Amino acid sequence: MQPFLERTMRLALGLAAGSVLLLAVPQAGQASTISMCLNKQGVIQGVNVVCKPKQTLISWDSGGVTGPQGLAGPQGPTGLAGPQGSTGAQGPTGPAGATGAAGSQGPIGVAGPTGDTGPQGPTGPTGTNGTNIQVLTGGTLGSDSGYKLSILPGEVPTVYLGPGNGGSVKLGTVDVPLSAGTLSHLLVSVDLNPACSTPGTCGYTFVVCVNKVCTTALTCQITDPTTSTTVCSDTTDVVSLNDGDVVSIRAEPTVLGTAPADVTFSIEHATSLAAP
């Protein structure tokens, strides 16, 4: 048996360079063990196959010792661009960005068409009553048809003046009835200065009388000063009236020696207006 195996090994090694053995060398990625099936005469019956009965199997490792790592090869050329990939899934919403700076003012747009008339609004609440103001005037009417205001000998010391109704020395003869409201803004003028011999010692006093009572707060006085004064007024006080109250103005000099004078006056009469 020993001579047979030696002869077989020599035959196998002699044939290692032959075409049959080259076909049996493993390629990259294949097993590194080579096996052969030999018959009794030492003839190869197959390589890397399952041996049949009465055939002898011989095998050996074809791999050698691993060599050192080779040098890195040069960079290969860039490959061609691949096809467009499919659209990926929607990513999550990112955080809100910071507010940008305000833009510049845009041009004024073209005026739009006139809109339709809106519906009638509801009726508003009833307003408060308004005020009607009348200016009443009067005076002494001069020496020809009335009375001068003085207390000189032979002259009447006190005169009563009715709005639009002249003057009288008797209280109640020139009073004028008025509707409910108020009297205010008394203005009085005389045609000359009281002309006292001693300045500041004489003058004229005027007061509004209601229902023949001459004690209302609506009053004014002209006093002889060192310079000429012929006008007085009361624009602060107010006198209330009821329907039918009669009104006049009492005018009288303050002391003996006051010069005679004609008087004119005006006074405001305010009444309420009923709401419509």
Protein backbone atom coordinates (compact mmCIF):
# COMPACT_ATOMS: atom_id res chain seq x y z
CA MET A 1 0.00 0.00 0.00
CA GLN A 2 2.83 2.39 0.70
CA PRO A 3 4.32 2.26 -2.82
CA PHE A 4 0.84 2.91 -4.22
CA LEU A 5 0.33 6.11 -2.22
CA GLU A 6 3.77 7.43 -3.03
CA ARG A 7 3.17 6.81 -6.71
CA THR A 8 -0.18 8.51 -6.50
CA MET A 9 1.18 11.62 -4.78
CA ARG A 10 3.93 11.96 -7.32
CA LEU A 11 1.40 11.69 -10.09
CA ALA A 12 -0.86 14.26 -8.48
CA LEU A 13 1.96 16.69 -7.97
CA GLY A 14 3.15 16.20 -11.53
CA LEU A 15 -0.25 17.00 -12.85
CA ALA A 16 -0.62 20.15 -10.64
CA ALA A 17 0.56 22.30 -13.51
CA GLY A 18 -1.78 20.57 -15.99
CA SER A 19 -5.04 21.85 -17.32
CA VAL A 20 -7.13 19.58 -15.13
CA LEU A 21 -5.50 20.88 -11.98
CA LEU A 22 -5.85 24.51 -13.14
CA LEU A 23 -9.57 23.98 -13.43
CA ALA A 24 -9.65 22.83 -9.83
CA VAL A 25 -7.88 25.88 -8.37
CA PRO A 26 -10.50 27.80 -6.31
CA GLN A 27 -11.45 31.25 -7.52
CA ALA A 28 -12.00 34.30 -5.37
CA GLY A 29 -14.63 33.61 -2.79
CA GLN A 30 -14.36 29.73 -3.18
CA ALA A 31 -13.08 27.13 -0.71
CA SER A 32 -9.26 26.81 -0.43
CA THR A 33 -9.28 22.94 -0.09
CA ILE A 34 -8.69 20.80 -3.24
CA SER A 35 -9.88 17.20 -3.36
CA MET A 36 -9.37 14.42 -5.99
CA CYS A 37 -10.83 11.02 -6.62
CA LEU A 38 -8.31 8.39 -7.90
CA ASN A 39 -8.90 4.82 -9.18
CA LYS A 40 -6.68 1.86 -8.32
CA GLN A 41 -4.30 2.78 -11.12
CA GLY A 42 -3.84 6.35 -9.70
CA VAL A 43 -5.74 8.01 -12.51
CA ILE A 44 -7.69 11.12 -11.49
CA GLN A 45 -11.39 10.44 -11.79
CA GLY A 46 -12.66 13.84 -10.59
CA VAL A 47 -11.68 17.02 -8.78
CA ASN A 48 -13.69 18.46 -5.92
CA VAL A 49 -16.41 15.88 -6.43
CA VAL A 50 -17.87 13.09 -4.32
CA CYS A 51 -15.76 9.93 -4.91
CA LYS A 52 -17.44 6.72 -6.07
CA PRO A 53 -16.97 3.38 -4.37
CA LYS A 54 -13.48 1.83 -4.88
CA GLN A 55 -12.03 5.35 -5.57
CA THR A 56 -9.49 6.93 -3.27
CA LEU A 57 -10.03 10.51 -1.97
CA ILE A 58 -7.04 12.77 -1.50
CA SER A 59 -7.22 16.46 -0.51
CA TRP A 60 -4.92 19.34 0.50
CA ASP A 61 -5.15 23.01 1.42
CA SER A 62 -4.32 25.29 -1.52
CA GLY A 63 -4.16 28.51 0.51
CA GLY A 64 -0.85 30.02 1.55
CA VAL A 65 0.13 32.45 4.29
CA THR A 66 -1.76 35.77 4.17
CA GLY A 67 0.40 38.46 2.65
CA PRO A 68 0.80 42.06 3.91
CA GLN A 69 -1.82 44.78 3.20
CA GLY A 70 -1.31 46.23 -0.27
CA LEU A 71 -1.01 49.95 -0.95
CA ALA A 72 -4.24 51.92 -1.50
CA GLY A 73 -5.05 52.27 -5.15
CA PRO A 74 -5.61 55.65 -6.79
CA GLN A 75 -9.01 57.40 -6.50
CA GLY A 76 -11.30 56.09 -9.14
CA PRO A 77 -13.26 58.46 -11.40
CA THR A 78 -16.53 59.93 -10.16
CA GLY A 79 -19.42 57.74 -11.11
CA LEU A 80 -22.42 58.91 -13.10
CA ALA A 81 -25.24 60.64 -11.22
CA GLY A 82 -27.90 58.23 -10.15
CA PRO A 83 -31.60 58.69 -10.96
CA GLN A 84 -33.76 61.19 -9.02
CA GLY A 85 -34.97 59.62 -5.82
CA SER A 86 -38.60 59.65 -4.81
CA THR A 87 -39.95 62.53 -2.66
CA GLY A 88 -39.48 61.90 1.03
CA ALA A 89 -42.19 62.16 3.68
CA GLN A 90 -43.27 65.59 4.98
CA GLY A 91 -41.00 66.67 7.81
CA PRO A 92 -42.32 68.24 11.04
CA THR A 93 -43.17 71.95 11.07
CA GLY A 94 -40.23 74.07 12.14
CA PRO A 95 -40.42 76.78 14.82
CA ALA A 96 -41.85 80.18 13.87
CA GLY A 97 -39.27 82.64 12.64
CA ALA A 98 -38.75 86.11 14.06
CA THR A 99 -41.06 88.91 12.88
CA GLY A 100 -39.61 90.72 9.93
CA ALA A 101 -39.19 94.47 9.68
CA ALA A 102 -42.25 96.51 8.60
CA GLY A 103 -42.43 97.10 4.89
CA SER A 104 -42.69 100.51 3.33
CA GLN A 105 -46.07 102.19 2.86
CA GLY A 106 -47.74 100.99 -0.27
CA PRO A 107 -49.46 103.32 -2.73
CA ILE A 108 -53.04 104.44 -2.04
CA GLY A 109 -55.46 102.12 -3.72
CA VAL A 110 -58.19 103.14 -6.12
CA ALA A 111 -61.40 104.25 -4.40
CA GLY A 112 -63.99 101.48 -4.32
CA PRO A 113 -67.55 101.88 -5.51
CA THR A 114 -70.13 103.50 -3.24
CA GLY A 115 -71.79 100.93 -1.04
CA ASP A 116 -75.51 100.40 -0.74
CA THR A 117 -77.50 102.58 1.61
CA GLY A 118 -77.73 100.97 5.01
CA PRO A 119 -81.00 100.23 6.78
CA GLN A 120 -82.78 102.91 8.78
CA GLY A 121 -81.36 103.08 12.28
CA PRO A 122 -83.56 102.95 15.37
CA THR A 123 -85.18 106.12 16.63
CA GLY A 124 -83.00 107.88 19.14
CA PRO A 125 -84.14 108.85 22.64
CA THR A 126 -86.18 111.97 23.13
CA GLY A 127 -83.95 114.99 23.55
CA THR A 128 -84.09 117.43 26.40
CA ASN A 129 -86.04 120.63 26.07
CA GLY A 130 -84.22 123.47 24.38
CA THR A 131 -84.13 127.06 25.52
CA ASN A 132 -85.67 130.09 23.84
CA ILE A 133 -84.08 133.42 24.78
CA GLN A 134 -85.77 136.76 24.15
CA VAL A 135 -84.15 140.13 24.80
CA LEU A 136 -86.65 142.52 26.43
CA THR A 137 -85.95 146.26 26.23
CA GLY A 138 -87.44 149.49 27.68
CA GLY A 139 -86.66 152.89 29.18
CA THR A 140 -87.96 156.28 30.35
CA LEU A 141 -88.84 157.34 26.75
CA GLY A 142 -87.36 160.84 27.27
CA SER A 143 -88.87 164.00 28.80
CA ASP A 144 -91.53 164.47 26.12
CA SER A 145 -93.45 161.24 26.69
CA GLY A 146 -92.03 159.78 29.88
CA TYR A 147 -90.01 160.64 32.94
CA LYS A 148 -86.48 161.66 33.65
CA LEU A 149 -84.70 159.98 36.53
CA SER A 150 -83.65 162.52 39.19
CA ILE A 151 -84.51 163.91 42.60
CA LEU A 152 -84.08 167.57 41.78
CA PRO A 153 -86.79 169.92 43.08
CA GLY A 154 -89.93 169.33 41.09
CA GLU A 155 -88.68 165.99 39.68
CA VAL A 156 -89.90 162.45 40.54
CA PRO A 157 -87.36 160.58 42.67
CA THR A 158 -88.32 156.98 41.61
CA VAL A 159 -89.40 155.65 38.23
CA TYR A 160 -90.69 152.15 37.30
CA LEU A 161 -89.86 150.86 33.84
CA GLY A 162 -91.84 148.11 32.09
CA PRO A 163 -90.28 146.03 29.27
CA GLY A 164 -91.49 147.75 26.10
CA ASN A 165 -94.00 149.75 28.12
CA GLY A 166 -92.39 153.09 29.07
CA GLY A 167 -92.00 154.48 32.58
CA SER A 168 -94.27 155.48 35.47
CA VAL A 169 -93.96 156.87 38.96
CA LYS A 170 -96.52 154.34 40.22
CA LEU A 171 -95.53 150.73 40.94
CA GLY A 172 -97.67 148.22 39.10
CA THR A 173 -98.78 150.49 36.25
CA VAL A 174 -96.15 149.42 33.68
CA ASP A 175 -95.48 145.83 34.83
CA VAL A 176 -95.54 143.22 32.02
CA PRO A 177 -96.69 139.57 32.55
CA LEU A 178 -94.25 136.92 31.31
CA SER A 179 -94.25 133.16 30.82
CA ALA A 180 -92.36 130.75 33.10
CA GLY A 181 -88.59 130.89 32.71
CA THR A 182 -85.72 133.00 33.95
CA LEU A 183 -84.50 136.60 33.78
CA SER A 184 -80.78 137.38 33.52
CA HIS A 185 -78.14 139.65 31.93
CA LEU A 186 -79.48 143.04 33.01
CA LEU A 187 -77.83 145.91 31.07
CA VAL A 188 -78.64 149.59 31.84
CA SER A 189 -77.46 152.80 30.20
CA VAL A 190 -78.15 156.47 31.04
CA ASP A 191 -77.64 159.46 28.78
CA LEU A 192 -75.33 161.35 31.17
CA ASN A 193 -73.12 160.95 34.22
CA PRO A 194 -74.74 161.51 37.64
CA ALA A 195 -72.53 164.65 37.93
CA CYS A 196 -72.31 164.90 41.71
CA SER A 197 -70.69 167.98 43.20
CA THR A 198 -68.56 165.57 45.23
CA PRO A 199 -67.48 162.58 43.00
CA GLY A 200 -68.51 159.16 44.29
CA THR A 201 -71.32 160.43 46.49
CA CYS A 202 -74.29 159.95 44.14
CA GLY A 203 -75.54 157.70 41.39
CA TYR A 204 -78.42 155.59 40.06
CA THR A 205 -79.65 152.19 41.31
CA PHE A 206 -81.63 149.67 39.18
CA VAL A 207 -83.34 146.50 40.42
CA VAL A 208 -85.71 143.98 38.78
CA CYS A 209 -89.19 143.78 40.42
CA VAL A 210 -91.31 140.57 40.24
CA ASN A 211 -94.99 140.77 41.22
CA LYS A 212 -94.38 144.33 42.56
CA VAL A 213 -91.63 143.18 44.91
CA CYS A 214 -88.36 144.98 44.16
CA THR A 215 -85.90 142.90 46.19
CA THR A 216 -84.49 140.44 43.62
CA ALA A 217 -80.74 139.79 43.28
CA LEU A 218 -80.76 141.03 39.67
CA THR A 219 -79.52 144.63 40.12
CA CYS A 220 -76.77 147.11 39.16
CA GLN A 221 -75.65 150.66 40.08
CA ILE A 222 -74.02 153.60 38.32
CA THR A 223 -71.94 155.66 40.74
CA ASP A 224 -70.36 159.01 39.87
CA PRO A 225 -66.60 158.39 39.70
CA THR A 226 -63.79 160.76 38.81
CA THR A 227 -64.35 159.75 35.18
CA SER A 228 -67.59 159.50 33.25
CA THR A 229 -69.63 156.30 33.78
CA THR A 230 -73.02 155.80 32.17
CA VAL A 231 -73.44 151.97 32.02
CA CYS A 232 -73.92 149.16 34.56
CA SER A 233 -74.76 145.46 34.27
CA ASP A 234 -75.46 142.23 36.18
CA THR A 235 -74.48 139.17 34.13
CA THR A 236 -74.23 136.76 37.07
CA ASP A 237 -77.53 136.66 38.94
CA VAL A 238 -80.68 134.86 37.68
CA VAL A 239 -84.35 135.36 38.67
CA SER A 240 -86.89 132.53 38.20
CA LEU A 241 -90.43 133.20 36.92
CA ASN A 242 -93.71 131.31 36.97
CA ASP A 243 -96.34 131.72 34.28
CA GLY A 244 -98.09 135.08 34.67
CA ASP A 245 -95.54 136.75 36.95
CA VAL A 246 -95.43 140.52 36.26
CA VAL A 247 -92.07 142.22 35.81
CA SER A 248 -90.75 145.80 35.93
CA ILE A 249 -87.50 147.60 36.80
CA ARG A 250 -87.23 150.18 39.54
CA ALA A 251 -84.83 153.09 38.84
CA GLU A 252 -83.95 155.72 41.44
CA PRO A 253 -81.15 158.18 42.28
CA THR A 254 -79.13 157.52 45.41
CA VAL A 255 -78.88 161.03 46.89
CA LEU A 256 -80.10 164.60 46.45
CA GLY A 257 -78.30 166.51 43.73
CA THR A 258 -78.07 163.70 41.16
CA ALA A 259 -78.50 165.04 37.65
CA PRO A 260 -81.68 164.04 35.75
CA ALA A 261 -81.11 161.34 33.08
CA ASP A 262 -83.01 159.26 30.56
CA VAL A 263 -82.65 155.44 30.95
CA THR A 264 -82.61 152.52 28.50
CA PHE A 265 -82.25 148.86 29.51
CA SER A 266 -82.28 145.29 28.19
CA ILE A 267 -82.80 141.98 29.97
CA GLU A 268 -82.84 138.35 28.76
CA HIS A 269 -85.97 136.22 29.22
CA ALA A 270 -85.25 132.47 28.77
CA THR A 271 -88.05 129.92 28.39
CA SER A 272 -88.00 126.15 27.83
CA LEU A 273 -88.98 124.71 24.44
CA ALA A 274 -91.08 121.54 24.51
CA ALA A 275 -89.50 118.59 22.73
CA PRO A 276 -91.14 117.80 19.36
